[in-house]
Protein backbone atom coordinates (compact mmCIF):
# COMPACT_ATOMS: atom_id res chain seq x y z
CA MET A 1 101.29 -8.01 -0.61
CA THR A 2 97.92 -7.04 -2.03
CA THR A 3 95.08 -9.53 -1.60
CA LYS A 4 94.58 -11.22 -4.95
CA LEU A 5 91.95 -13.75 -3.95
CA ILE A 6 89.11 -13.77 -1.44
CA LEU A 7 87.73 -17.16 -0.49
CA ALA A 8 84.17 -16.84 0.83
CA GLY A 9 83.45 -20.04 2.72
CA CYS A 10 86.06 -22.48 3.95
CA GLY A 11 84.13 -25.68 4.57
CA ASN A 12 85.34 -29.00 3.20
CA MET A 13 85.48 -27.97 -0.46
CA GLY A 14 86.79 -24.48 0.18
CA PHE A 15 89.49 -25.81 2.48
CA ALA A 16 90.44 -28.53 0.00
CA MET A 17 90.95 -25.97 -2.75
CA LEU A 18 92.79 -23.57 -0.45
CA SER A 19 95.12 -26.33 0.73
CA GLY A 20 95.91 -27.19 -2.88
CA TRP A 21 96.64 -23.60 -3.83
CA ILE A 22 98.93 -23.01 -0.87
CA GLY A 23 100.56 -26.43 -0.89
CA SER A 24 101.40 -26.25 -4.59
CA GLY A 25 102.80 -22.75 -4.32
CA LYS A 26 100.28 -21.45 -6.85
CA LEU A 27 99.05 -18.90 -4.31
CA ALA A 28 101.08 -17.22 -1.57
CA THR A 29 99.47 -17.06 1.86
CA SER A 30 99.80 -13.27 1.77
CA GLU A 31 97.72 -13.13 -1.42
CA CYS A 32 94.64 -14.78 0.06
CA LEU A 33 91.93 -13.67 2.48
CA VAL A 34 89.46 -16.22 3.85
CA VAL A 35 85.99 -15.13 4.98
CA GLU A 36 84.37 -17.78 7.17
CA PRO A 37 81.73 -17.18 9.90
CA ASN A 38 82.37 -20.50 11.65
CA ALA A 39 85.12 -20.08 14.27
CA GLU A 40 86.38 -23.66 14.04
CA LEU A 41 86.67 -23.52 10.24
CA ARG A 42 88.32 -20.11 10.48
CA ALA A 43 90.94 -21.51 12.83
CA ARG A 44 91.60 -24.42 10.49
CA ALA A 45 92.20 -22.04 7.59
CA ALA A 46 94.43 -19.80 9.70
CA LYS A 47 96.77 -22.74 10.32
CA LEU A 48 97.67 -22.60 6.63
CA GLY A 49 99.03 -19.10 7.19
CA VAL A 50 96.33 -17.10 5.40
CA THR A 51 94.52 -14.10 6.81
CA VAL A 52 91.01 -14.91 8.02
CA THR A 53 87.99 -12.83 8.92
CA GLU A 54 84.47 -13.53 10.11
CA SER A 55 82.47 -11.53 7.57
CA ALA A 56 82.68 -9.65 4.30
CA GLU A 57 81.96 -6.44 6.16
CA ALA A 58 85.41 -6.72 7.77
CA ILE A 59 87.19 -6.52 4.42
CA GLY A 60 89.05 -3.23 4.14
CA PRO A 61 87.82 -0.46 1.82
CA ASP A 62 91.04 -0.58 -0.19
CA ALA A 63 90.62 -4.23 -1.18
CA HIS A 64 90.53 -4.86 -4.94
CA PRO A 65 90.77 -8.63 -5.37
CA ASP A 66 91.36 -10.19 -8.76
CA ILE A 67 89.20 -13.17 -7.80
CA VAL A 68 86.40 -13.86 -5.31
CA VAL A 69 85.70 -17.58 -4.86
CA LEU A 70 82.23 -18.36 -3.51
CA ALA A 71 82.52 -21.79 -1.88
CA VAL A 72 79.18 -22.03 -0.11
CA LYS A 73 76.01 -24.12 -0.36
CA PRO A 74 73.42 -23.23 -3.03
CA GLN A 75 70.86 -22.56 -0.29
CA VAL A 76 72.83 -19.52 0.98
CA ILE A 77 74.58 -18.42 -2.20
CA ARG A 78 72.34 -15.40 -2.82
CA ASP A 79 72.88 -13.90 0.63
CA VAL A 80 76.62 -14.56 0.58
CA THR A 81 77.05 -13.14 -2.92
CA ALA A 82 75.21 -9.94 -2.01
CA ALA A 83 77.85 -9.22 0.61
CA TYR A 84 80.43 -8.81 -2.17
CA ARG A 85 78.36 -6.50 -4.36
CA ARG A 86 80.98 -3.74 -4.15
CA PHE A 87 83.36 -5.87 -6.23
CA GLY A 88 80.79 -6.39 -8.99
CA ASP A 89 80.70 -4.77 -12.43
CA GLY A 90 84.47 -4.40 -12.42
CA THR A 91 87.61 -6.41 -13.03
CA THR A 92 87.08 -8.86 -10.15
CA THR A 93 86.16 -12.32 -11.45
CA PHE A 94 83.71 -14.27 -9.32
CA VAL A 95 84.14 -18.04 -9.16
CA SER A 96 81.24 -20.10 -7.82
CA VAL A 97 81.24 -23.77 -6.82
CA ALA A 98 77.53 -23.73 -5.88
CA ALA A 99 75.61 -26.46 -7.71
CA GLY A 100 72.76 -25.29 -9.91
CA THR A 101 73.30 -21.55 -9.43
CA THR A 102 73.44 -19.87 -12.84
CA VAL A 103 75.55 -17.02 -14.14
CA ALA A 104 72.33 -15.01 -14.47
CA THR A 105 71.77 -15.28 -10.73
CA PHE A 106 75.18 -13.78 -10.02
CA THR A 107 74.88 -10.96 -12.55
CA GLU A 108 71.45 -10.14 -11.15
CA ILE A 109 73.06 -9.58 -7.76
CA LEU A 110 76.49 -8.27 -8.75
CA GLY A 111 75.78 -6.36 -11.95
CA SER A 112 75.44 -7.34 -15.59
CA ARG A 113 79.10 -6.67 -16.49
CA THR A 114 80.51 -8.84 -13.70
CA PRO A 115 82.86 -11.61 -14.87
CA VAL A 116 81.50 -14.91 -13.52
CA LEU A 117 83.01 -18.36 -13.80
CA ARG A 118 81.12 -21.39 -12.54
CA CYS A 119 83.10 -24.40 -11.34
CA MET A 120 81.86 -27.85 -10.39
CA PRO A 121 84.55 -29.63 -8.38
CA ASN A 122 84.23 -32.91 -6.51
CA THR A 123 85.48 -34.21 -3.18
CA PRO A 124 88.62 -36.01 -4.46
CA ALA A 125 89.95 -32.46 -4.89
CA SER A 126 90.87 -32.76 -1.20
CA ILE A 127 93.71 -35.13 -2.18
CA GLY A 128 94.57 -33.51 -5.51
CA LYS A 129 92.60 -36.09 -7.52
CA GLY A 130 89.48 -34.04 -8.21
CA MET A 131 87.59 -33.25 -11.39
CA MET A 132 86.88 -29.56 -11.92
CA VAL A 133 84.65 -28.43 -14.78
CA THR A 134 84.22 -24.74 -15.58
CA PHE A 135 81.91 -22.48 -17.54
CA ALA A 136 82.87 -18.83 -18.05
CA SER A 137 80.58 -15.92 -18.84
CA PRO A 138 81.55 -13.67 -21.79
CA HIS A 139 82.97 -11.03 -19.44
CA VAL A 140 85.68 -13.35 -18.07
CA SER A 141 89.02 -12.44 -19.66
CA GLU A 142 91.36 -15.02 -21.16
CA SER A 143 93.99 -14.14 -18.56
CA ALA A 144 91.49 -14.71 -15.75
CA LYS A 145 90.51 -18.07 -17.25
CA ALA A 146 94.17 -19.06 -17.39
CA THR A 147 94.85 -17.96 -13.81
CA ILE A 148 91.79 -19.72 -12.42
CA GLY A 149 92.49 -22.85 -14.45
CA ASP A 150 96.02 -22.94 -13.06
CA LEU A 151 94.73 -22.62 -9.50
CA LEU A 152 92.15 -25.34 -10.01
CA SER A 153 94.76 -27.70 -11.47
CA ALA A 154 96.28 -27.96 -8.00
CA SER A 155 93.23 -30.02 -7.05
CA GLY A 156 93.12 -32.38 -10.05
CA ALA A 157 92.00 -32.42 -13.67
CA VAL A 158 90.30 -29.36 -15.20
CA ALA A 159 87.91 -29.24 -18.15
CA SER A 160 85.72 -26.47 -19.57
CA ILE A 161 82.38 -26.39 -21.34
CA ASP A 162 80.85 -23.74 -23.60
CA ASP A 163 77.17 -24.43 -22.85
CA GLU A 164 76.09 -23.51 -19.34
CA ALA A 165 73.10 -25.85 -19.54
CA GLN A 166 75.55 -28.74 -19.50
CA MET A 167 76.61 -27.86 -15.94
CA ASP A 168 73.62 -29.75 -14.59
CA ALA A 169 74.88 -32.91 -16.28
CA VAL A 170 78.41 -32.21 -15.03
CA THR A 171 77.04 -31.92 -11.51
CA ALA A 172 75.23 -35.23 -11.89
CA VAL A 173 78.24 -37.10 -13.27
CA SER A 174 81.44 -35.82 -11.68
CA GLY A 175 80.08 -33.60 -8.91
CA SER A 176 77.87 -36.26 -7.35
CA GLY A 177 79.73 -39.18 -8.92
CA PRO A 178 82.15 -39.92 -6.05
CA ALA A 179 79.15 -40.81 -3.87
CA TYR A 180 78.09 -43.40 -6.44
CA ILE A 181 81.56 -44.98 -6.33
CA PHE A 182 81.64 -44.90 -2.53
CA HIS A 183 78.30 -46.70 -2.44
CA PHE A 184 79.59 -49.27 -4.93
CA ILE A 185 82.53 -49.92 -2.60
CA GLU A 186 80.05 -50.32 0.27
CA CYS A 187 78.02 -52.80 -1.76
CA LEU A 188 81.06 -54.77 -2.92
CA THR A 189 82.33 -54.94 0.67
CA SER A 190 78.97 -56.19 1.88
CA ALA A 191 78.84 -58.81 -0.88
CA ALA A 192 82.36 -59.96 0.00
CA LYS A 193 81.34 -60.43 3.64
CA THR A 194 78.25 -62.35 2.59
CA ALA A 195 80.49 -64.57 0.46
CA GLY A 196 82.40 -65.49 3.61
CA LEU A 197 85.35 -63.08 3.78
CA PRO A 198 86.36 -61.40 7.07
CA GLU A 199 85.33 -57.74 7.30
CA ASP A 200 88.86 -56.31 7.10
CA THR A 201 89.69 -58.45 4.08
CA ALA A 202 86.36 -57.60 2.43
CA LYS A 203 87.04 -53.87 2.84
CA LEU A 204 90.57 -54.16 1.48
CA LEU A 205 89.54 -56.21 -1.54
CA ALA A 206 86.67 -53.88 -2.43
CA MET A 207 88.69 -50.69 -1.96
CA GLN A 208 91.84 -51.81 -3.76
CA THR A 209 89.91 -53.39 -6.61
CA VAL A 210 88.02 -50.17 -7.36
CA TYR A 211 91.19 -48.09 -6.96
CA GLY A 212 93.29 -50.37 -9.14
CA ALA A 213 90.64 -50.66 -11.84
CA ALA A 214 90.23 -46.87 -11.97
CA CYS A 215 93.99 -46.37 -12.23
CA LEU A 216 94.25 -48.97 -14.99
CA ALA A 217 91.39 -47.35 -16.90
CA ALA A 218 93.06 -43.96 -16.59
CA GLU A 219 96.59 -45.05 -17.46
CA SER A 220 96.28 -47.94 -19.92
CA GLY A 221 95.03 -45.97 -22.89
CA GLU A 222 92.33 -48.57 -23.49
CA ASP A 223 88.64 -47.78 -23.34
CA PRO A 224 86.70 -49.34 -20.42
CA ALA A 225 84.78 -51.72 -22.69
CA THR A 226 88.04 -53.20 -23.98
CA LEU A 227 89.41 -53.59 -20.47
CA ARG A 228 86.20 -55.29 -19.38
CA LYS A 229 86.45 -57.77 -22.23
CA GLN A 230 90.09 -58.49 -21.37
CA VAL A 231 89.06 -59.56 -17.85
CA THR A 232 86.10 -61.63 -19.04
CA SER A 233 86.85 -65.20 -20.10
CA PRO A 234 84.00 -66.95 -21.96
CA ASN A 235 81.83 -68.88 -19.51
CA GLY A 236 84.12 -67.86 -16.66
CA THR A 237 83.48 -66.34 -13.24
CA THR A 238 83.53 -62.74 -14.46
CA ALA A 239 81.11 -63.59 -17.26
CA ALA A 240 78.73 -65.12 -14.72
CA ALA A 241 78.78 -61.92 -12.67
CA LEU A 242 78.40 -59.68 -15.70
CA ASP A 243 75.37 -61.66 -16.79
CA ILE A 244 73.72 -60.27 -13.65
CA LEU A 245 75.03 -56.70 -13.95
CA MET A 246 74.62 -56.36 -17.71
CA GLY A 247 71.58 -58.56 -18.27
CA GLU A 248 68.78 -56.41 -19.70
CA ASN A 249 71.19 -53.47 -19.28
CA ARG A 250 70.37 -53.46 -15.56
CA LEU A 251 73.35 -51.47 -14.31
CA GLU A 252 73.40 -49.12 -17.30
CA LYS A 253 69.75 -48.26 -16.76
CA LEU A 254 70.20 -47.82 -13.02
CA ILE A 255 73.17 -45.47 -13.44
CA ALA A 256 71.30 -43.51 -16.13
CA GLU A 257 68.31 -43.09 -13.79
CA ALA A 258 70.59 -41.95 -10.96
CA VAL A 259 72.40 -39.39 -13.11
CA GLU A 260 69.11 -38.06 -14.48
CA ALA A 261 67.71 -37.67 -10.95
CA ALA A 262 70.79 -35.69 -9.93
CA ARG A 263 70.63 -33.56 -13.09
CA LYS A 264 66.98 -32.68 -12.46
CA ARG A 265 67.76 -31.78 -8.85
CA SER A 266 70.55 -29.49 -10.02
CA ILE A 267 68.03 -27.69 -12.23
CA GLU A 268 65.60 -27.41 -9.31
CA LEU A 269 68.29 -25.84 -7.13
CA ALA A 270 68.64 -23.01 -9.65
CA LYS A 271 65.02 -21.92 -9.18
């Protein structure tokens, strides 16, 4: 079968997406070629049944992929993209998961008529619970958008935006966001231990509380503010804790500062 998709880079994010595509049946192993210079990562991808190669130069001259997914770090995106220049200015749609790298950067390298779709996924994609946000350049066809959206849905929820400038905010919220939640779990675990709970119990309580609260927020149909109020009895224990977190908008301000720092860094990475 003809190669429909080339995956350039099969690190943690690339492998997570690939696993979702293959595992869900949205992409046949014979339709995908993985290009990965790292031997260990290549071997991991090969276990899924896909064809793997070390470099773009090894791709056959008859290859005409529908999609090239660039799943590499922003620091190397220009060099990696240049290796696929022969697929530019045609019908091949390029999908990038590199934070901060603009459509203009890709068209500068690949040609002005190249269809480019930016995607910001996050690490929960590795278990099918990710958040993928996309922005498509004008040259991306509706059929390509639909195909790529279907592939991405194997890794979680998919949303699209019409203003590319918003991708920096997307990166700061959902792209980097899991790290904020992981740190909150760390902090809640530490506080539980300080309050006298054994380490294993502290970890379980912190983890399950965050997980359960997120599931309830997602499935209840209520907005988070309403759910918070439902938990908070007047002058009760939760109210005492929220006086600390919400007093002078402490947590709100801290989260806003964190998101803004990430957004600015995303902009810097594009330069």
